C-alpha atoms as a PDB file:
ATOM      1  CA  UNK A   1      14.789 -57.630 175.115  1.00  0.00           C
ATOM      2  CA  UNK A   2      13.341 -55.650 173.079  1.00  0.00           C
ATOM      3  CA  UNK A   3      12.102 -56.091 169.889  1.00  0.00           C
ATOM      4  CA  UNK A   4      13.231 -53.723 166.928  1.00  0.00           C
ATOM      5  CA  UNK A   5      10.653 -52.390 164.649  1.00  0.00           C
ATOM      6  CA  UNK A   6      10.770 -53.973 161.165  1.00  0.00           C
ATOM      7  CA  UNK A   7      10.985 -51.352 158.456  1.00  0.00           C
ATOM      8  CA  UNK A   8       7.703 -51.760 156.911  1.00  0.00           C
ATOM      9  CA  UNK A   9       8.152 -49.301 153.249  1.00  0.00           C
ATOM     10  CA  UNK A  10       7.225 -51.349 150.847  1.00  0.00           C
ATOM     11  CA  UNK A  11       9.326 -50.536 147.415  1.00  0.00           C
ATOM     12  CA  UNK A  12       8.594 -52.370 144.222  1.00  0.00           C
ATOM     13  CA  UNK A  13      10.741 -53.952 142.067  1.00  0.00           C
ATOM     14  CA  UNK A  14       9.348 -52.015 138.955  1.00  0.00           C
ATOM     15  CA  UNK A  15      11.370 -48.829 139.367  1.00  0.00           C
ATOM     16  CA  UNK A  16       8.244 -46.989 140.265  1.00  0.00           C
ATOM     17  CA  UNK A  17       9.471 -43.673 138.509  1.00  0.00           C
ATOM     18  CA  UNK A  18       7.119 -41.155 140.340  1.00  0.00           C
ATOM     19  CA  UNK A  19       8.620 -38.035 138.197  1.00  0.00           C
ATOM     20  CA  UNK A  20      10.675 -37.220 135.847  1.00  0.00           C
ATOM     21  CA  UNK A  21      12.836 -34.408 134.634  1.00  0.00           C
ATOM     22  CA  UNK A  22      13.005 -35.457 130.872  1.00  0.00           C
ATOM     23  CA  UNK A  23      10.737 -32.891 128.332  1.00  0.00           C
ATOM     24  CA  UNK A  24       9.737 -35.990 126.358  1.00  0.00           C
ATOM     25  CA  UNK A  25       9.071 -38.783 128.733  1.00  0.00           C
ATOM     26  CA  UNK A  26       5.627 -40.109 128.853  1.00  0.00           C
ATOM     27  CA  UNK A  27       4.101 -42.802 131.350  1.00  0.00           C
ATOM     28  CA  UNK A  28       3.886 -46.103 130.042  1.00  0.00           C
ATOM     29  CA  UNK A  29       0.364 -47.728 129.707  1.00  0.00           C
ATOM     30  CA  UNK A  30      -0.772 -50.239 132.140  1.00  0.00           C
ATOM     31  CA  UNK A  31      -2.087 -53.482 130.452  1.00  0.00           C
ATOM     32  CA  UNK A  32      -4.752 -53.817 133.251  1.00  0.00           C
ATOM     33  CA  UNK A  33      -6.777 -50.533 132.688  1.00  0.00           C
ATOM     34  CA  UNK A  34      -7.299 -52.009 129.167  1.00  0.00           C
ATOM     35  CA  UNK A  35      -8.471 -55.250 130.621  1.00  0.00           C
ATOM     36  CA  UNK A  36     -11.084 -53.564 132.696  1.00  0.00           C
ATOM     37  CA  UNK A  37     -12.788 -51.928 130.064  1.00  0.00           C
ATOM     38  CA  UNK A  38     -15.834 -53.813 129.414  1.00  0.00           C
ATOM     39  CA  UNK A  39     -17.929 -53.597 125.717  1.00  0.00           C
ATOM     40  CA  UNK A  40     -21.032 -52.192 126.932  1.00  0.00           C
ATOM     41  CA  UNK A  41     -23.134 -53.117 124.093  1.00  0.00           C
ATOM     42  CA  UNK A  42     -22.229 -56.837 125.029  1.00  0.00           C
ATOM     43  CA  UNK A  43     -23.266 -56.659 128.455  1.00  0.00           C
ATOM     44  CA  UNK A  44     -26.854 -57.309 129.395  1.00  0.00           C
ATOM     45  CA  UNK A  45     -28.059 -55.894 132.219  1.00  0.00           C
ATOM     46  CA  UNK A  46     -31.187 -57.561 134.827  1.00  0.00           C
ATOM     47  CA  UNK A  47     -33.703 -55.126 136.119  1.00  0.00           C
ATOM     48  CA  UNK A  48     -35.879 -56.353 138.589  1.00  0.00           C
ATOM     49  CA  UNK A  49     -37.886 -56.046 141.892  1.00  0.00           C
ATOM     50  CA  UNK A  50     -36.917 -57.696 145.278  1.00  0.00           C
ATOM     51  CA  UNK A  51     -38.507 -58.249 148.681  1.00  0.00           C
ATOM     52  CA  UNK A  52     -36.224 -60.734 150.232  1.00  0.00           C
ATOM     53  CA  UNK A  53     -35.081 -59.910 153.590  1.00  0.00           C
ATOM     54  CA  UNK A  54     -36.312 -56.312 153.534  1.00  0.00           C
ATOM     55  CA  UNK A  55     -39.429 -56.652 155.659  1.00  0.00           C
ATOM     56  CA  UNK A  56     -41.666 -56.708 152.856  1.00  0.00           C
ATOM     57  CA  UNK A  57     -40.184 -53.205 150.969  1.00  0.00           C
ATOM     58  CA  UNK A  58     -39.573 -53.398 147.125  1.00  0.00           C
ATOM     59  CA  UNK A  59     -36.029 -52.540 146.010  1.00  0.00           C
ATOM     60  CA  UNK A  60     -35.409 -52.565 142.629  1.00  0.00           C
ATOM     61  CA  UNK A  61     -32.035 -54.103 141.899  1.00  0.00           C
ATOM     62  CA  UNK A  62     -29.992 -54.037 138.932  1.00  0.00           C
ATOM     63  CA  UNK A  63     -27.166 -56.701 138.514  1.00  0.00           C
ATOM     64  CA  UNK A  64     -24.473 -57.886 135.718  1.00  0.00           C
ATOM     65  CA  UNK A  65     -22.362 -54.692 135.434  1.00  0.00           C
ATOM     66  CA  UNK A  66     -19.268 -55.829 135.622  1.00  0.00           C
ATOM     67  CA  UNK A  67     -17.372 -52.200 136.484  1.00  0.00           C
ATOM     68  CA  UNK A  68     -14.739 -51.642 139.412  1.00  0.00           C
ATOM     69  CA  UNK A  69     -16.861 -50.150 142.418  1.00  0.00           C
ATOM     70  CA  UNK A  70     -16.308 -46.334 141.706  1.00  0.00           C
ATOM     71  CA  UNK A  71     -17.826 -46.628 138.480  1.00  0.00           C
ATOM     72  CA  UNK A  72     -20.757 -48.907 139.737  1.00  0.00           C
ATOM     73  CA  UNK A  73     -21.374 -45.947 142.595  1.00  0.00           C
ATOM     74  CA  UNK A  74     -21.133 -43.047 139.720  1.00  0.00           C
ATOM     75  CA  UNK A  75     -23.850 -44.839 137.940  1.00  0.00           C
ATOM     76  CA  UNK A  76     -25.953 -45.999 141.750  1.00  0.00           C
ATOM     77  CA  UNK A  77     -25.828 -42.141 142.379  1.00  0.00           C
ATOM     78  CA  UNK A  78     -27.056 -41.159 139.069  1.00  0.00           C
ATOM     79  CA  UNK A  79     -30.065 -43.719 139.372  1.00  0.00           C
ATOM     80  CA  UNK A  80     -30.828 -42.407 142.688  1.00  0.00           C
ATOM     81  CA  UNK A  81     -31.192 -39.189 142.013  1.00  0.00           C
ATOM     82  CA  UNK A  82     -33.294 -39.496 138.834  1.00  0.00           C
ATOM     83  CA  UNK A  83     -35.825 -42.284 140.834  1.00  0.00           C
ATOM     84  CA  UNK A  84     -35.259 -39.545 144.048  1.00  0.00           C
ATOM     85  CA  UNK A  85     -34.970 -42.537 146.248  1.00  0.00           C
ATOM     86  CA  UNK A  86     -32.308 -43.937 148.450  1.00  0.00           C
ATOM     87  CA  UNK A  87     -30.039 -46.922 147.737  1.00  0.00           C
ATOM     88  CA  UNK A  88     -26.864 -48.643 147.948  1.00  0.00           C
ATOM     89  CA  UNK A  89     -24.266 -50.673 146.051  1.00  0.00           C
ATOM     90  CA  UNK A  90     -23.740 -54.123 147.105  1.00  0.00           C
ATOM     91  CA  UNK A  91     -21.641 -57.279 145.656  1.00  0.00           C
ATOM     92  CA  UNK A  92     -22.053 -55.799 142.045  1.00  0.00           C
ATOM     93  CA  UNK A  93     -25.446 -55.144 142.271  1.00  0.00           C
ATOM     94  CA  UNK A  94     -27.295 -51.319 142.695  1.00  0.00           C
ATOM     95  CA  UNK A  95     -30.105 -51.318 144.877  1.00  0.00           C
ATOM     96  CA  UNK A  96     -32.773 -48.393 144.071  1.00  0.00           C
ATOM     97  CA  UNK A  97     -35.281 -48.134 147.199  1.00  0.00           C
ATOM     98  CA  UNK A  98     -38.570 -48.577 146.037  1.00  0.00           C
ATOM     99  CA  UNK A  99     -40.286 -49.980 142.846  1.00  0.00           C
ATOM    100  CA  UNK A 100     -38.813 -47.543 139.937  1.00  0.00           C
ATOM    101  CA  UNK A 101     -38.384 -50.426 137.317  1.00  0.00           C
ATOM    102  CA  UNK A 102     -39.562 -48.346 134.577  1.00  0.00           C
ATOM    103  CA  UNK A 103     -37.505 -45.630 135.034  1.00  0.00           C
ATOM    104  CA  UNK A 104     -34.444 -46.842 135.488  1.00  0.00           C
ATOM    105  CA  UNK A 105     -34.521 -49.143 132.305  1.00  0.00           C
ATOM    106  CA  UNK A 106     -35.444 -45.975 130.504  1.00  0.00           C
ATOM    107  CA  UNK A 107     -32.334 -44.380 131.750  1.00  0.00           C
ATOM    108  CA  UNK A 108     -30.360 -47.627 131.125  1.00  0.00           C
ATOM    109  CA  UNK A 109     -31.594 -47.729 127.579  1.00  0.00           C
ATOM    110  CA  UNK A 110     -30.811 -44.310 126.694  1.00  0.00           C
ATOM    111  CA  UNK A 111     -27.310 -44.705 127.919  1.00  0.00           C
ATOM    112  CA  UNK A 112     -26.823 -47.941 125.128  1.00  0.00           C
ATOM    113  CA  UNK A 113     -27.185 -50.684 127.590  1.00  0.00           C
ATOM    114  CA  UNK A 114     -29.238 -53.857 126.910  1.00  0.00           C
ATOM    115  CA  UNK A 115     -31.554 -54.635 129.554  1.00  0.00           C
ATOM    116  CA  UNK A 116     -33.535 -57.437 130.613  1.00  0.00           C
ATOM    117  CA  UNK A 117     -36.535 -57.430 132.856  1.00  0.00           C
ATOM    118  CA  UNK A 118     -36.236 -60.248 135.192  1.00  0.00           C
ATOM    119  CA  UNK A 119     -39.447 -61.287 137.085  1.00  0.00           C
ATOM    120  CA  UNK A 120     -43.141 -60.451 137.493  1.00  0.00           C
END
């Protein structure tokens, strides 16, 4: 006997209105958006130089950012462009290839963030 395909469409029980013809309708704000915002002045970022598991090549690390992935990637792209180097965003940390601690600290302080240097 052949198995029947299950319907894989998922419909949420919240109604999920996508479009409205009412002229005075506005979408309801999500509580998740306000909970996701982080006070940047209260956040302390740590900038360090790391050589572990990279064949002795230095990498500037920025840790302590509690943003979503897209915001981290945007900040990482700005830092990589500023330093003229490659890098990545991994596990909540921004990695910039090379020793660019001074440039990174100046850039982040100009954005109004609290910075602490970690290590030597």
